[in-house]
Amino acid sequence: DAGLYVVDRQDQVLQVKLPADCMGIQIGECTQILTGGAVVATPHCVKGASNVARASLACFIDTPPSYVLSSPCGGTDLSAADLLAKSSSRVPALSKRWKDGMTFGEFLEKTFQMYYDFDAS
């Protein structure tokens, strides 16, 4: 049962089985915001196995904290509302953490606080 797990669009947890000649790429919420929801972030986790060492290489690509996170569809039309609705119940709602025009640093601060206080039950 060890490996990568993702939450699908129906909020179900599924194990990912990548072919040996493939690489998985996780797209985050900033990409979801900047593409106006054309690309949707996927909640994920890695489940370990007992008595097995795990090695991985995570490469995070972020913007400077002062970078403004704006959706190409703006903050008030239906497309922006749809963008915010594409969140899993397993993570704090994007609509409660991001407002169009806030900086990446402000988004991170709000997100960290919301995760710290989050109760999915």
Protein backbone atom coordinates (compact mmCIF):
# COMPACT_ATOMS: atom_id res chain seq x y z
CA ASP A 1 0.00 0.00 0.00
CA ALA A 2 3.02 2.31 0.09
CA GLY A 3 3.33 4.97 -2.58
CA LEU A 4 1.79 8.12 -3.98
CA TYR A 5 -1.90 8.83 -3.38
CA VAL A 6 -4.02 11.61 -4.94
CA VAL A 7 -7.55 12.88 -4.42
CA ASP A 8 -9.62 12.71 -7.62
CA ARG A 9 -12.35 15.14 -8.75
CA GLN A 10 -14.97 13.10 -6.85
CA ASP A 11 -12.92 13.56 -3.63
CA GLN A 12 -11.86 9.90 -3.57
CA VAL A 13 -8.33 8.85 -2.58
CA LEU A 14 -6.57 6.78 -5.26
CA GLN A 15 -3.11 5.23 -5.38
CA VAL A 16 -1.04 6.35 -8.37
CA LYS A 17 0.80 3.63 -10.28
CA LEU A 18 3.26 5.25 -12.68
CA PRO A 19 4.86 3.14 -15.43
CA ALA A 20 8.60 2.67 -14.93
CA ASP A 21 9.43 4.92 -17.90
CA CYS A 22 7.28 7.84 -16.70
CA MET A 23 7.66 10.75 -14.31
CA GLY A 24 4.87 12.28 -12.22
CA ILE A 25 4.59 16.06 -11.91
CA GLN A 26 2.51 17.68 -9.19
CA ILE A 27 0.94 20.99 -10.14
CA GLY A 28 0.12 23.28 -7.24
CA GLU A 29 -2.53 25.85 -6.43
CA CYS A 30 -0.52 28.81 -7.74
CA THR A 31 -0.66 27.23 -11.20
CA GLN A 32 -4.40 26.70 -10.73
CA ILE A 33 -4.80 30.40 -9.91
CA LEU A 34 -2.52 31.68 -12.69
CA THR A 35 -4.24 29.52 -15.35
CA GLY A 36 -7.72 30.56 -14.23
CA GLY A 37 -8.50 26.96 -13.31
CA ALA A 38 -7.45 25.45 -16.66
CA VAL A 39 -5.00 23.36 -14.62
CA VAL A 40 -6.34 22.13 -11.28
CA ALA A 41 -4.13 21.34 -8.27
CA THR A 42 -4.37 17.82 -6.88
CA PRO A 43 -4.21 17.12 -3.15
CA HIS A 44 -1.71 14.31 -2.56
CA CYS A 45 0.30 12.40 0.01
CA VAL A 46 2.92 9.69 0.15
CA LYS A 47 2.30 6.63 2.30
CA GLY A 48 5.40 4.87 3.58
CA ALA A 49 6.01 1.21 4.24
CA SER A 50 7.41 -0.28 7.43
CA ASN A 51 11.03 -1.42 7.31
CA VAL A 52 11.62 0.29 3.95
CA ALA A 53 13.72 3.39 3.39
CA ARG A 54 12.25 5.99 1.05
CA ALA A 55 14.22 8.45 -1.01
CA SER A 56 12.68 11.17 -3.14
CA LEU A 57 13.65 14.40 -4.80
CA ALA A 58 11.15 17.22 -4.58
CA CYS A 59 11.85 20.26 -6.70
CA PHE A 60 9.69 23.22 -5.71
CA ILE A 61 9.49 26.13 -8.11
CA ASP A 62 8.05 29.22 -6.45
CA THR A 63 7.78 32.88 -7.23
CA PRO A 64 9.19 35.71 -5.10
CA PRO A 65 6.94 36.52 -2.10
CA SER A 66 6.03 39.86 -3.70
CA TYR A 67 4.67 38.23 -6.89
CA VAL A 68 0.98 39.06 -7.40
CA LEU A 69 -1.26 36.01 -7.85
CA SER A 70 -3.97 37.12 -10.25
CA SER A 71 -6.28 34.91 -12.25
CA PRO A 72 -6.54 35.78 -15.96
CA CYS A 73 -10.33 35.78 -15.48
CA GLY A 74 -10.26 38.40 -12.72
CA GLY A 75 -11.70 38.14 -9.24
CA THR A 76 -15.39 38.74 -9.79
CA ASP A 77 -16.73 36.84 -12.81
CA LEU A 78 -18.13 33.30 -13.03
CA SER A 79 -14.80 31.85 -14.21
CA ALA A 80 -13.11 33.02 -11.01
CA ALA A 81 -15.91 31.48 -8.94
CA ASP A 82 -15.47 28.20 -10.83
CA LEU A 83 -11.72 28.38 -10.20
CA LEU A 84 -12.30 28.60 -6.45
CA ALA A 85 -14.91 25.84 -6.43
CA LYS A 86 -12.42 23.24 -7.70
CA SER A 87 -11.11 22.37 -4.25
CA SER A 88 -11.21 19.12 -2.31
CA SER A 89 -12.98 18.87 1.03
CA ARG A 90 -9.74 17.38 2.32
CA VAL A 91 -7.87 20.70 2.24
CA PRO A 92 -8.82 24.23 3.34
CA ALA A 93 -10.92 25.87 0.62
CA LEU A 94 -8.95 27.94 -1.85
CA SER A 95 -11.73 30.55 -1.72
CA LYS A 96 -10.90 31.14 1.95
CA ARG A 97 -7.13 31.43 1.34
CA TRP A 98 -6.78 33.37 -1.91
CA LYS A 99 -8.20 36.66 -3.15
CA ASP A 100 -7.41 37.94 -6.64
CA GLY A 101 -4.42 40.29 -6.51
CA MET A 102 -2.86 39.10 -3.23
CA THR A 103 0.86 38.39 -3.27
CA PHE A 104 2.39 34.92 -3.17
CA GLY A 105 3.74 35.72 0.32
CA GLU A 106 0.29 36.71 1.57
CA PHE A 107 -1.18 33.54 0.03
CA LEU A 108 1.46 31.38 1.72
CA GLU A 109 0.91 33.03 5.10
CA LYS A 110 -2.87 32.57 4.88
CA THR A 111 -2.49 28.99 3.61
CA PHE A 112 -0.09 27.97 6.39
CA GLN A 113 -2.45 29.41 9.01
CA MET A 114 -5.49 27.69 7.49
CA TYR A 115 -3.70 24.31 7.34
CA TYR A 116 -2.54 24.75 10.94
CA ASP A 117 -6.16 25.31 12.04
CA PHE A 118 -7.80 22.90 9.54
CA ASP A 119 -10.01 20.02 10.69
CA ALA A 120 -11.29 17.87 7.79
CA SER A 121 -13.66 15.86 10.00
